Amino acid sequence: MTIPVTPDSTAADTDPRPLTMFGPDFPFAYDDYVTHRSGLGAVPTYRHGTEVAVIGGGLSGMVTAYELMKLGLKPIVYEADQIGGRMRSHPFDGHPDVVAEMGAMRFPPSSTTLFHYLDAMGLRTEAFPNPLADSTPSTVIDLKGESYYAQHLDDLPPVFREVSDAWQRTLEDHAELIPLQQAIRDRDTAELKRIWNDLVVRLDDQTFYGFLASSKHFASFRHREVFGQVGFGTGGWDTDFPNSILEILRVVITAADDHHRGIVGGSQQLPLRLWTDTPAGMAHWPDGTSVRALNGGSTRPRVTEVRRTAPHQVTVTDSSGEIRTYPAAVFTAQSWMLLNNIHCDDDLFPIDHWTAIERTHYMGSTKVFALVDRPFWKDKDPVTGRDLVSMTLTDRMSRGTYLLDHGDDKPGLICLSYTWSDDSLKLLPLDATERMNLMIKSLEEIYPGVDFRSHIISTPVTLSWETERDFMGAFKANLPGHYRYQERLFSHFIQDELDPRHRGIFLAGDDISWTAGWAEGAVQTALNAVWGVMHHLGGAAPADNPGPGDRYAELGPIRLCD
């Protein structure tokens, strides 16, 4: 459910400055950097037209390629499957306006750098129907066989308000919530780093569950249980309980869990438009040039090998057998690909970075979608007068059910189930139809008498990210004690202190970021990599718009001692 993360629910209205994904680990203003009139920087003219490998065609890869092109470089994009990565929008034959978002589907407005690119590509967003969100007509919470119907939090039994208040008070008492959010609004980097660095030292070894259990406000096991099943923002969070509490705090203090927007027409449009867009006023390239044009209309296929060659070059082999050598490369795919699907030199990265890659921990995720003839859930129950079906959170197998309305006279889409980690693993042996049948069984128990099957007009679609060859998980989620690994990976774009043999290949993508699972992290690390390539090739950011590398010594994440 959506739970306030400010002293009271009106705080955001009284302070006009928004919460944004500004830090906290590296409080660099990416949104200001990317919109500055002076641009991101320049490379020497003799570097214009230089090819740079971009491995992975998801959002991070497409932002990287797009910005490298604007600098006058020639990004060569490698993609194993389809442009978009986990921004994968599944269309339905005969219904072009309806897509199932198999990966990313909701985006917080606090992702201000992401929204710069959405605006630049002419994409529209609309409110996403999270549980108890303002745009959600009604929500049903079904726990232990009892269902509760609500349009607002106060419609629920008192225990849910008690849990909401317990979470709020725990954040205030144990995580400096109020001063942290004030520092984000003020963009007070010194204060933000002072508070956050202390939390990192104190909480790096703490699980999400341990953080809750240590709070007097969650002394009741029943409150912890309800919180895990219902959660905040996007639904139940009990599958996150083993993860580091720092992962959760990064989401909460930056409002990443609230007021979500969906991309009209599907999220995959953003990377696809970055692929085809023709920005004006680029260095070197004439107007009308796109990343797609520079790549001859299609990406290179799957990468099978990455190795070092003299003098300090990066050589890439793809599945067609073609071998190309580059002065720089950016790897944006999920980092586990470097351990199995892609053959790599041991010396591609320093050993400590390899250790950090090997320790990466991914969350699994499964979605099951059904296309229906119309948004029948808006019908009213003749007895109660309530919506026939609501946005649903439950402890049954379906866990989270979302109702996506495209108009009264158009087909609708039901995300029958959205599950994570252990709940996702329970579904792995089942095919799409079996999964659908299981979820409908759960929903029929919550909504007796509703004939879900009579409205389904297309074969269900499903995806489990942990079984996808090129992903093996939905997104990274650090465990307690993983801060040091994350700091190594995030800081990899700062390479002056690395041995020359380790320079020239840059890591990017949301699992390199501090906010894995959020598109903003993919965008921010792409901009880090662009700065890294520019610096590596002898370029620089403008004096009046210093880049992330220029300010890293000042703003960089704390380094924990041994």
Protein backbone atom coordinates (compact mmCIF):
# COMPACT_ATOMS: atom_id res chain seq x y z
CA MET A 1 0.00 0.00 0.00
CA THR A 2 1.09 3.57 -0.34
CA ILE A 3 2.35 4.73 3.05
CA PRO A 4 3.51 8.31 3.66
CA VAL A 5 7.24 8.81 4.13
CA THR A 6 7.05 12.36 5.46
CA PRO A 7 6.07 13.61 8.95
CA ASP A 8 2.50 13.91 7.74
CA SER A 9 0.74 13.32 4.45
CA THR A 10 0.62 17.02 3.63
CA ALA A 11 4.34 17.73 3.99
CA ALA A 12 4.96 17.40 0.27
CA ASP A 13 2.30 20.06 -0.33
CA THR A 14 3.81 22.54 2.11
CA ASP A 15 7.34 22.20 0.71
CA PRO A 16 7.30 22.90 -3.04
CA ARG A 17 10.69 21.30 -3.58
CA PRO A 18 10.25 17.67 -4.62
CA LEU A 19 11.97 14.61 -3.32
CA THR A 20 14.23 13.23 -6.05
CA MET A 21 16.62 10.32 -6.47
CA PHE A 22 19.47 12.65 -5.50
CA GLY A 23 21.96 10.37 -3.77
CA PRO A 24 22.19 9.47 -1.00
CA ASP A 25 25.41 7.53 -1.66
CA PHE A 26 26.62 9.83 -4.44
CA PRO A 27 24.62 13.09 -4.35
CA PHE A 28 25.45 14.28 -7.84
CA ALA A 29 22.72 16.21 -9.67
CA TYR A 30 22.41 14.05 -12.79
CA ASP A 31 19.18 15.80 -13.76
CA ASP A 32 20.91 19.20 -13.81
CA TYR A 33 23.95 17.76 -15.57
CA VAL A 34 22.01 16.21 -18.44
CA THR A 35 19.85 19.30 -19.04
CA HIS A 36 22.64 21.90 -18.84
CA ARG A 37 22.89 24.21 -21.85
CA SER A 38 26.63 23.48 -22.21
CA GLY A 39 26.08 19.76 -22.74
CA LEU A 40 27.93 16.82 -21.24
CA GLY A 41 31.33 17.62 -22.73
CA ALA A 42 33.53 17.02 -25.76
CA VAL A 43 36.26 14.73 -27.05
CA PRO A 44 39.22 15.92 -29.16
CA THR A 45 38.29 16.34 -32.82
CA TYR A 46 40.75 13.63 -33.85
CA ARG A 47 38.59 11.21 -31.82
CA HIS A 48 35.44 12.04 -33.78
CA GLY A 49 34.02 8.95 -35.43
CA THR A 50 35.90 6.63 -33.05
CA GLU A 51 34.03 3.39 -32.48
CA VAL A 52 33.09 2.46 -28.89
CA ALA A 53 31.51 -0.89 -28.06
CA VAL A 54 28.25 -0.75 -26.10
CA ILE A 55 27.38 -4.23 -24.86
CA GLY A 56 23.69 -4.55 -24.01
CA GLY A 57 20.76 -2.76 -25.60
CA GLY A 58 18.64 -2.08 -22.54
CA LEU A 59 17.93 1.38 -21.19
CA SER A 60 21.44 1.91 -19.87
CA GLY A 61 22.99 0.79 -23.14
CA MET A 62 20.71 3.00 -25.22
CA VAL A 63 21.35 6.09 -23.07
CA THR A 64 25.08 5.39 -23.29
CA ALA A 65 24.99 4.97 -27.07
CA TYR A 66 22.78 8.03 -27.54
CA GLU A 67 25.04 10.33 -25.51
CA LEU A 68 28.26 8.94 -27.04
CA MET A 69 26.81 9.67 -30.46
CA LYS A 70 26.08 13.26 -29.45
CA LEU A 71 29.77 13.61 -28.47
CA GLY A 72 30.77 12.63 -32.01
CA LEU A 73 31.75 9.04 -31.21
CA LYS A 74 30.36 5.97 -32.99
CA PRO A 75 28.68 3.56 -30.58
CA ILE A 76 28.52 -0.03 -31.84
CA VAL A 77 25.68 -1.72 -29.98
CA TYR A 78 25.64 -5.45 -29.18
CA GLU A 79 22.34 -7.02 -28.11
CA ALA A 80 21.67 -10.71 -27.44
CA ASP A 81 17.89 -10.56 -27.90
CA GLN A 82 15.90 -7.36 -28.37
CA ILE A 83 16.43 -3.68 -27.66
CA GLY A 84 14.91 -2.82 -24.32
CA GLY A 85 16.36 -5.32 -21.86
CA ARG A 86 14.01 -5.46 -18.89
CA MET A 87 11.97 -2.68 -20.45
CA ARG A 88 10.13 -5.39 -22.36
CA SER A 89 6.61 -4.61 -23.55
CA HIS A 90 4.73 -7.64 -24.92
CA PRO A 91 2.12 -6.73 -27.59
CA PHE A 92 -1.08 -8.67 -28.25
CA ASP A 93 -2.03 -9.48 -31.85
CA GLY A 94 -4.89 -7.31 -33.03
CA HIS A 95 -4.70 -5.02 -30.00
CA PRO A 96 -1.85 -2.58 -30.66
CA ASP A 97 -2.77 -0.28 -27.78
CA VAL A 98 -2.43 -2.99 -25.14
CA VAL A 99 0.97 -4.23 -23.96
CA ALA A 100 2.01 -6.40 -21.05
CA GLU A 101 4.99 -4.93 -19.23
CA MET A 102 7.08 -8.01 -18.54
CA GLY A 103 9.73 -6.01 -16.72
CA ALA A 104 9.73 -2.34 -15.74
CA MET A 105 6.19 -1.00 -15.61
CA ARG A 106 6.03 1.84 -13.04
CA PHE A 107 8.31 4.80 -12.55
CA PRO A 108 8.44 7.31 -9.69
CA PRO A 109 8.46 11.01 -10.62
CA SER A 110 11.47 11.32 -8.31
CA SER A 111 13.40 9.68 -11.20
CA THR A 112 14.06 13.10 -12.65
CA THR A 113 16.91 12.11 -14.97
CA LEU A 114 14.81 9.31 -16.43
CA PHE A 115 11.93 11.70 -16.96
CA HIS A 116 14.26 14.04 -18.87
CA TYR A 117 14.69 11.30 -21.47
CA LEU A 118 10.99 10.41 -21.45
CA ASP A 119 10.18 14.05 -22.19
CA ALA A 120 12.94 14.36 -24.80
CA MET A 121 11.58 11.30 -26.62
CA GLY A 122 8.02 12.65 -26.55
CA LEU A 123 6.62 9.90 -24.33
CA ARG A 124 3.61 10.39 -22.10
CA THR A 125 3.01 8.87 -18.69
CA GLU A 126 -0.11 8.19 -16.68
CA ALA A 127 -0.79 7.36 -13.04
CA PHE A 128 -0.12 3.71 -12.25
CA PRO A 129 -2.76 1.87 -10.17
CA ASN A 130 -0.72 0.77 -7.17
CA PRO A 131 -2.67 -0.43 -4.11
CA LEU A 132 -4.48 2.45 -2.40
CA ALA A 133 -2.95 5.01 -4.75
CA ASP A 134 -5.05 8.03 -5.64
CA SER A 135 -5.56 6.67 -9.16
CA THR A 136 -6.72 3.25 -7.92
CA PRO A 137 -10.53 3.07 -7.56
CA SER A 138 -10.40 0.38 -4.90
CA THR A 139 -8.09 -2.11 -3.24
CA VAL A 140 -8.78 -5.47 -1.62
CA ILE A 141 -6.38 -6.86 0.95
CA ASP A 142 -6.90 -10.57 1.52
CA LEU A 143 -4.98 -12.15 4.40
CA LYS A 144 -5.54 -15.47 6.12
CA GLY A 145 -8.85 -15.97 4.38
CA GLU A 146 -10.31 -12.56 5.30
CA SER A 147 -10.79 -9.80 2.73
CA TYR A 148 -10.91 -6.06 3.35
CA TYR A 149 -12.21 -3.59 0.76
CA ALA A 150 -10.86 -0.05 0.78
CA GLN A 151 -10.65 3.09 -1.29
CA HIS A 152 -8.40 4.79 1.28
CA LEU A 153 -6.13 3.57 4.05
CA ASP A 154 -8.58 4.67 6.72
CA ASP A 155 -11.21 2.32 5.26
CA LEU A 156 -9.17 -0.62 6.52
CA PRO A 157 -9.24 -2.08 10.05
CA PRO A 158 -7.09 -0.21 12.61
CA VAL A 159 -4.24 -2.74 12.42
CA PHE A 160 -3.27 -1.44 8.98
CA ARG A 161 -3.00 2.15 10.22
CA GLU A 162 -1.01 0.83 13.19
CA VAL A 163 1.41 -0.87 10.80
CA SER A 164 1.66 2.26 8.67
CA ASP A 165 2.43 4.38 11.72
CA ALA A 166 4.94 1.82 13.02
CA TRP A 167 6.86 1.99 9.75
CA GLN A 168 6.82 5.79 9.77
CA ARG A 169 8.01 6.01 13.37
CA THR A 170 10.71 3.38 12.79
CA LEU A 171 12.10 5.35 9.87
CA GLU A 172 12.09 8.54 11.90
CA ASP A 173 13.68 7.01 15.00
CA HIS A 174 16.24 4.69 13.41
CA ALA A 175 16.98 6.08 9.94
CA GLU A 176 16.96 9.89 10.31
CA LEU A 177 14.13 10.05 7.77
CA ILE A 178 13.09 13.67 8.25
CA PRO A 179 16.55 15.32 8.11
CA LEU A 180 17.59 13.04 5.24
CA GLN A 181 14.62 14.05 3.14
CA GLN A 182 15.13 17.69 4.03
CA ALA A 183 18.74 17.47 2.84
CA ILE A 184 17.57 15.90 -0.43
CA ARG A 185 15.05 18.70 -0.97
CA ASP A 186 17.70 21.30 -0.14
CA ARG A 187 20.32 19.43 -2.20
CA ASP A 188 22.56 19.95 0.80
CA THR A 189 25.28 17.48 -0.10
CA ALA A 190 27.32 17.97 3.08
CA GLU A 191 24.39 17.27 5.37
CA LEU A 192 23.14 14.40 3.24
CA LYS A 193 26.54 12.71 3.24
CA ARG A 194 26.99 13.28 6.97
CA ILE A 195 23.72 11.56 7.85
CA TRP A 196 23.86 8.82 5.22
CA ASN A 197 27.49 7.87 5.83
CA ASP A 198 26.70 7.32 9.50
CA LEU A 199 23.77 5.08 8.55
CA VAL A 200 25.99 3.06 6.21
CA VAL A 201 28.49 2.42 9.01
CA ARG A 202 25.75 1.47 11.46
CA LEU A 203 23.46 -0.55 9.20
CA ASP A 204 25.54 -2.24 6.51
CA ASP A 205 25.33 -5.58 8.35
CA GLN A 206 21.59 -5.32 9.09
CA THR A 207 18.80 -7.11 7.23
CA PHE A 208 15.49 -5.47 6.45
CA TYR A 209 13.76 -7.82 8.88
CA GLY A 210 16.36 -7.27 11.59
CA PHE A 211 15.86 -3.52 11.25
CA LEU A 212 12.11 -3.94 11.79
CA ALA A 213 12.48 -6.40 14.66
CA SER A 214 14.90 -4.10 16.51
CA SER A 215 12.34 -1.29 16.55
CA LYS A 216 10.00 -0.95 19.52
CA HIS A 217 7.32 0.13 17.05
CA PHE A 218 7.41 -3.37 15.52
CA ALA A 219 7.55 -5.29 18.77
CA SER A 220 4.40 -7.11 17.64
CA PHE A 221 5.09 -10.06 15.36
CA ARG A 222 1.60 -9.59 13.90
CA HIS A 223 2.56 -6.08 12.82
CA ARG A 224 5.75 -7.36 11.18
CA GLU A 225 3.76 -10.09 9.45
CA VAL A 226 1.14 -7.70 8.09
CA PHE A 227 3.83 -5.28 6.98
CA GLY A 228 5.60 -8.06 5.08
CA GLN A 229 2.42 -9.16 3.36
CA VAL A 230 1.03 -5.71 2.56
CA GLY A 231 4.10 -3.49 2.75
CA PHE A 232 4.30 0.00 1.35
CA GLY A 233 4.35 1.63 -2.05
CA THR A 234 4.10 -1.33 -4.38
CA GLY A 235 2.79 -4.06 -2.11
CA GLY A 236 4.18 -6.77 0.14
CA TRP A 237 7.86 -6.68 0.97
CA ASP A 238 8.45 -9.88 2.90
CA THR A 239 10.50 -11.33 0.03
CA ASP A 240 12.89 -8.41 0.62
CA PHE A 241 13.29 -9.17 4.32
CA PRO A 242 16.69 -10.95 3.92
CA ASN A 243 18.18 -8.02 1.97
CA SER A 244 20.19 -5.14 3.37
CA ILE A 245 18.11 -2.43 5.02
CA LEU A 246 20.24 0.11 3.15
CA GLU A 247 18.60 -1.08 -0.08
CA ILE A 248 15.17 -0.29 1.36
CA LEU A 249 16.15 3.07 2.82
CA ARG A 250 17.47 4.26 -0.55
CA VAL A 251 14.01 3.62 -1.98
CA VAL A 252 12.05 5.20 0.84
CA ILE A 253 13.99 8.41 1.41
CA THR A 254 13.97 9.27 -2.30
CA ALA A 255 10.22 8.58 -2.73
CA ALA A 256 10.97 5.86 -5.27
CA ASP A 257 8.13 3.79 -3.82
CA ASP A 258 5.37 6.33 -4.35
CA HIS A 259 3.21 8.13 -6.95
CA HIS A 260 4.27 5.81 -9.76
CA ARG A 261 3.63 6.53 -13.43
CA GLY A 262 3.27 4.10 -16.33
CA ILE A 263 4.50 4.87 -19.85
CA VAL A 264 1.59 5.15 -22.27
CA GLY A 265 2.09 2.54 -25.00
CA GLY A 266 4.76 0.60 -23.11
CA SER A 267 8.12 1.23 -21.48
CA GLN A 268 10.10 -0.40 -24.30
CA GLN A 269 9.39 2.68 -26.40
CA LEU A 270 12.04 4.64 -24.51
CA PRO A 271 15.10 2.53 -25.48
CA LEU A 272 13.66 2.07 -28.97
CA ARG A 273 13.30 5.81 -29.46
CA LEU A 274 16.80 6.44 -28.17
CA TRP A 275 17.90 3.98 -30.87
CA THR A 276 16.12 5.86 -33.66
CA ASP A 277 16.08 9.50 -32.48
CA THR A 278 17.96 12.09 -34.53
CA PRO A 279 19.07 14.90 -32.21
CA ALA A 280 20.15 18.20 -33.74
CA GLY A 281 23.43 19.97 -33.14
CA MET A 282 25.62 16.94 -32.47
CA ALA A 283 29.39 17.08 -32.62
CA HIS A 284 30.73 15.62 -35.90
CA TRP A 285 27.57 13.81 -37.05
CA PRO A 286 25.13 15.61 -39.38
CA ASP A 287 21.53 16.23 -38.41
CA GLY A 288 19.44 13.17 -39.20
CA THR A 289 21.98 10.74 -37.73
CA SER A 290 20.73 8.14 -35.25
CA VAL A 291 22.35 5.34 -33.27
CA ARG A 292 20.47 2.97 -35.54
CA ALA A 293 21.96 4.59 -38.65
CA LEU A 294 25.48 4.40 -37.22
CA ASN A 295 24.91 0.68 -36.68
CA GLY A 296 23.66 0.02 -40.21
CA GLY A 297 20.08 -0.50 -39.09
CA SER A 298 20.60 -3.36 -36.63
CA THR A 299 22.59 -4.24 -33.54
CA ARG A 300 25.49 -6.64 -33.51
CA PRO A 301 24.47 -10.07 -32.10
CA ARG A 302 25.24 -11.67 -28.76
CA VAL A 303 28.74 -11.09 -27.36
CA THR A 304 30.63 -14.32 -26.72
CA GLU A 305 34.08 -13.04 -25.72
CA VAL A 306 35.68 -9.88 -24.33
CA ARG A 307 39.46 -9.67 -23.96
CA ARG A 308 42.36 -7.27 -23.73
CA THR A 309 44.68 -6.70 -26.66
CA ALA A 310 47.69 -4.39 -27.04
CA PRO A 311 48.00 -1.49 -26.67
CA HIS A 312 45.25 -1.23 -24.06
CA GLN A 313 42.46 -2.15 -26.48
CA VAL A 314 39.24 -4.08 -25.85
CA THR A 315 38.49 -6.84 -28.37
CA VAL A 316 34.94 -8.17 -28.68
CA THR A 317 33.81 -11.36 -30.41
CA ASP A 318 30.13 -11.87 -31.20
CA SER A 319 28.07 -14.97 -31.97
CA SER A 320 28.51 -14.49 -35.73
CA GLY A 321 32.25 -14.92 -35.26
CA GLU A 322 33.05 -11.30 -36.05
CA ILE A 323 35.92 -9.82 -34.05
CA ARG A 324 36.22 -6.07 -33.52
CA THR A 325 38.68 -4.08 -31.45
CA TYR A 326 37.90 -0.80 -29.70
CA PRO A 327 39.77 1.81 -27.66
CA ALA A 328 36.90 1.74 -25.15
CA ALA A 329 33.84 -0.36 -24.31
CA VAL A 330 30.85 -0.07 -21.99
CA PHE A 331 29.29 -3.22 -20.53
CA THR A 332 25.65 -2.57 -19.56
CA ALA A 333 24.22 -6.09 -19.32
CA GLN A 334 23.70 -7.76 -15.96
CA SER A 335 27.11 -8.45 -14.51
CA TRP A 336 26.59 -12.20 -14.06
CA MET A 337 26.84 -12.50 -17.85
CA LEU A 338 30.57 -11.91 -17.43
CA LEU A 339 30.80 -15.10 -15.35
CA ASN A 340 29.20 -17.60 -17.71
CA ASN A 341 27.71 -16.54 -21.05
CA ILE A 342 30.69 -14.40 -22.05
CA HIS A 343 34.25 -15.65 -22.03
CA CYS A 344 36.45 -13.00 -20.41
CA ASP A 345 40.12 -12.57 -19.69
CA ASP A 346 40.81 -12.86 -15.97
CA ASP A 347 42.64 -9.57 -16.28
CA LEU A 348 39.66 -7.71 -17.71
CA PHE A 349 39.00 -6.23 -14.25
CA PRO A 350 40.97 -6.04 -11.00
CA ILE A 351 40.41 -9.06 -8.78
CA ASP A 352 38.42 -7.06 -6.22
CA HIS A 353 35.95 -6.09 -8.94
CA TRP A 354 35.61 -9.70 -10.03
CA THR A 355 34.84 -10.58 -6.40
CA ALA A 356 32.14 -7.92 -6.30
CA ILE A 357 30.60 -9.29 -9.53
CA GLU A 358 30.62 -12.83 -8.16
CA ARG A 359 28.90 -11.70 -4.94
CA THR A 360 26.04 -10.05 -6.81
CA HIS A 361 22.67 -11.17 -5.47
CA TYR A 362 19.63 -11.03 -7.75
CA MET A 363 15.93 -11.02 -6.96
CA GLY A 364 13.74 -13.30 -9.05
CA SER A 365 10.42 -12.09 -10.41
CA THR A 366 7.45 -13.55 -12.28
CA LYS A 367 4.44 -11.91 -13.95
CA VAL A 368 1.34 -13.53 -15.43
CA PHE A 369 -0.92 -11.47 -17.71
CA ALA A 370 -4.34 -12.15 -19.23
CA LEU A 371 -6.02 -10.04 -21.93
CA VAL A 372 -9.76 -9.62 -21.26
CA ASP A 373 -12.64 -8.38 -23.41
CA ARG A 374 -13.34 -5.28 -21.32
CA PRO A 375 -12.57 -3.80 -17.89
CA PHE A 376 -15.29 -5.88 -16.25
CA TRP A 377 -13.82 -5.21 -12.82
CA LYS A 378 -15.49 -1.79 -12.94
CA ASP A 379 -18.93 -3.41 -12.81
CA LYS A 380 -20.66 -2.99 -9.47
CA ASP A 381 -21.56 -5.89 -7.23
CA PRO A 382 -25.38 -5.80 -7.08
CA VAL A 383 -25.38 -6.66 -3.37
CA THR A 384 -22.59 -4.50 -1.96
CA GLY A 385 -22.36 -1.77 -4.60
CA ARG A 386 -18.61 -2.18 -4.60
CA ASP A 387 -16.29 -2.67 -7.58
CA LEU A 388 -16.62 -6.24 -8.81
CA VAL A 389 -12.85 -6.75 -8.62
CA SER A 390 -10.17 -4.50 -7.12
CA MET A 391 -6.44 -4.09 -7.08
CA THR A 392 -5.57 -7.06 -4.86
CA LEU A 393 -2.88 -7.86 -2.32
CA THR A 394 -3.03 -11.33 -0.80
CA ASP A 395 -1.02 -14.01 0.93
CA ARG A 396 -2.37 -16.51 -1.62
CA MET A 397 -0.23 -17.58 -4.58
CA SER A 398 -1.16 -14.60 -6.75
CA ARG A 399 0.23 -12.10 -4.17
CA GLY A 400 -0.33 -8.96 -6.26
CA THR A 401 -3.00 -8.45 -8.96
CA TYR A 402 -3.17 -5.26 -11.04
CA LEU A 403 -6.06 -4.08 -13.24
CA LEU A 404 -5.01 -2.06 -16.29
CA ASP A 405 -7.82 -0.11 -17.92
CA HIS A 406 -7.58 1.05 -21.56
CA GLY A 407 -11.14 2.38 -21.83
CA ASP A 408 -14.63 1.05 -21.29
CA ASP A 409 -15.02 0.00 -24.92
CA LYS A 410 -11.58 -1.58 -25.27
CA PRO A 411 -9.94 -4.78 -24.04
CA GLY A 412 -8.40 -4.59 -20.61
CA LEU A 413 -5.36 -6.28 -19.14
CA ILE A 414 -5.03 -8.08 -15.84
CA CYS A 415 -1.66 -8.73 -14.29
CA LEU A 416 -3.00 -11.81 -12.52
CA SER A 417 0.13 -12.18 -10.46
CA TYR A 418 3.29 -10.24 -9.72
CA THR A 419 5.61 -12.18 -7.44
CA TRP A 420 9.20 -11.96 -6.20
CA SER A 421 12.00 -14.30 -5.11
CA ASP A 422 10.62 -17.28 -3.16
CA ASP A 423 7.09 -16.64 -4.42
CA SER A 424 8.44 -16.49 -7.96
CA LEU A 425 10.38 -19.73 -7.54
CA LYS A 426 7.16 -21.53 -6.60
CA LEU A 427 5.90 -20.93 -10.14
CA LEU A 428 8.96 -22.00 -12.13
CA PRO A 429 7.77 -25.54 -13.04
CA LEU A 430 4.45 -24.24 -14.44
CA ASP A 431 3.73 -23.05 -17.97
CA ALA A 432 1.70 -19.94 -18.75
CA THR A 433 -1.68 -21.68 -18.72
CA GLU A 434 -0.94 -23.54 -15.50
CA ARG A 435 0.13 -20.30 -13.89
CA MET A 436 -3.03 -18.57 -15.07
CA ASN A 437 -5.21 -21.37 -13.71
CA LEU A 438 -3.48 -21.19 -10.34
CA MET A 439 -3.95 -17.43 -10.11
CA ILE A 440 -7.59 -17.57 -11.17
CA LYS A 441 -8.19 -20.16 -8.46
CA SER A 442 -6.79 -17.71 -5.89
CA LEU A 443 -8.86 -14.83 -7.24
CA GLU A 444 -12.05 -16.89 -7.35
CA GLU A 445 -11.61 -17.58 -3.65
CA ILE A 446 -11.31 -13.85 -2.99
CA TYR A 447 -14.12 -12.89 -5.39
CA PRO A 448 -16.64 -15.76 -5.28
CA GLY A 449 -19.08 -15.68 -8.15
CA VAL A 450 -16.86 -13.66 -10.50
CA ASP A 451 -16.32 -15.57 -13.74
CA PHE A 452 -12.82 -14.45 -14.70
CA ARG A 453 -12.40 -17.05 -17.45
CA SER A 454 -15.39 -15.86 -19.44
CA HIS A 455 -13.64 -12.56 -20.12
CA ILE A 456 -10.23 -13.88 -21.23
CA ILE A 457 -9.72 -13.47 -25.00
CA SER A 458 -6.09 -14.44 -25.55
CA THR A 459 -3.52 -16.99 -24.42
CA PRO A 460 -1.89 -15.80 -21.17
CA VAL A 461 1.68 -14.53 -21.22
CA THR A 462 4.25 -14.98 -18.50
CA LEU A 463 7.93 -14.46 -17.79
CA SER A 464 10.27 -15.45 -14.96
CA TRP A 465 13.41 -13.33 -15.13
CA GLU A 466 15.51 -15.83 -13.18
CA THR A 467 15.25 -18.33 -16.07
CA GLU A 468 16.07 -15.82 -18.82
CA ARG A 469 19.48 -16.74 -20.26
CA ASP A 470 20.70 -13.16 -20.46
CA PHE A 471 19.39 -12.00 -17.09
CA MET A 472 19.10 -14.82 -14.51
CA GLY A 473 17.18 -12.47 -12.25
CA ALA A 474 15.03 -9.37 -12.20
CA PHE A 475 17.46 -7.02 -10.49
CA LYS A 476 20.26 -6.86 -7.99
CA ALA A 477 19.45 -6.66 -4.27
CA ASN A 478 22.41 -6.35 -1.94
CA LEU A 479 22.61 -8.56 1.12
CA PRO A 480 23.98 -7.32 4.45
CA GLY A 481 27.71 -6.65 4.19
CA HIS A 482 27.62 -5.99 0.45
CA TYR A 483 28.18 -2.24 0.61
CA ARG A 484 31.90 -2.57 -0.14
CA TYR A 485 31.16 -4.63 -3.26
CA GLN A 486 28.61 -2.09 -4.47
CA GLU A 487 31.00 0.81 -3.92
CA ARG A 488 33.66 -0.93 -6.04
CA LEU A 489 31.29 -1.52 -8.93
CA PHE A 490 29.69 1.93 -8.87
CA SER A 491 33.08 3.68 -8.71
CA HIS A 492 34.55 1.63 -11.58
CA PHE A 493 34.13 4.50 -14.03
CA ILE A 494 36.80 6.43 -12.08
CA GLN A 495 39.87 4.73 -13.56
CA ASP A 496 42.86 7.04 -13.08
CA GLU A 497 44.01 5.00 -10.09
CA LEU A 498 43.65 1.67 -11.93
CA ASP A 499 46.59 0.00 -13.59
CA PRO A 500 46.57 1.00 -17.30
CA ARG A 501 45.84 -2.60 -18.28
CA HIS A 502 42.49 -2.36 -16.45
CA ARG A 503 41.32 0.88 -18.04
CA GLY A 504 39.02 1.44 -20.99
CA ILE A 505 36.13 -0.90 -20.21
CA PHE A 506 33.33 0.60 -18.13
CA LEU A 507 30.47 -1.00 -16.20
CA ALA A 508 26.97 0.47 -16.30
CA GLY A 509 23.38 -0.65 -15.72
CA ASP A 510 21.03 -0.61 -12.79
CA ASP A 511 22.84 -3.38 -10.90
CA ILE A 512 25.98 -1.23 -10.91
CA SER A 513 23.91 1.61 -9.44
CA TRP A 514 22.88 2.17 -5.85
CA THR A 515 19.22 1.78 -6.84
CA ALA A 516 19.05 -1.54 -8.63
CA GLY A 517 15.64 -2.29 -10.07
CA TRP A 518 14.93 1.36 -10.80
CA ALA A 519 15.39 2.82 -14.26
CA GLU A 520 16.92 5.96 -12.77
CA GLY A 521 19.90 3.87 -11.67
CA ALA A 522 20.37 2.55 -15.21
CA VAL A 523 20.36 6.11 -16.55
CA GLN A 524 22.72 7.49 -13.92
CA THR A 525 25.33 4.78 -14.41
CA ALA A 526 25.08 5.23 -18.18
CA LEU A 527 26.00 8.88 -17.69
CA ASN A 528 28.89 7.80 -15.46
CA ALA A 529 30.15 5.53 -18.23
CA VAL A 530 29.79 8.27 -20.86
CA TRP A 531 31.92 10.55 -18.69
CA GLY A 532 34.41 7.71 -18.23
CA VAL A 533 34.73 7.08 -21.98
CA MET A 534 35.02 10.80 -22.67
CA HIS A 535 37.76 11.17 -20.06
CA HIS A 536 39.55 8.03 -21.27
CA LEU A 537 39.65 9.35 -24.84
CA GLY A 538 41.10 12.69 -23.78
CA GLY A 539 37.87 14.68 -23.53
CA ALA A 540 36.34 16.66 -20.70
CA ALA A 541 33.09 18.07 -19.36
CA PRO A 542 32.50 21.83 -19.67
CA ALA A 543 33.91 24.01 -16.91
CA ASP A 544 30.41 25.24 -16.06
CA ASN A 545 28.91 21.72 -16.07
CA PRO A 546 31.33 19.35 -14.33
CA GLY A 547 30.50 15.68 -14.73
CA PRO A 548 30.17 12.89 -12.16
CA GLY A 549 33.86 12.04 -12.40
CA ASP A 550 34.89 15.66 -11.91
CA ARG A 551 33.04 15.83 -8.61
CA TYR A 552 33.71 12.30 -7.41
CA ALA A 553 36.45 13.22 -4.95
CA GLU A 554 34.04 15.64 -3.29
CA LEU A 555 30.80 13.63 -3.43
CA GLY A 556 31.90 10.00 -3.73
CA PRO A 557 30.46 7.26 -1.50
CA ILE A 558 32.11 6.53 1.80
CA ARG A 559 34.73 3.79 1.68
CA LEU A 560 34.43 1.41 4.59
CA CYS A 561 37.65 0.19 6.15
CA ASP A 562 38.45 -3.51 6.50
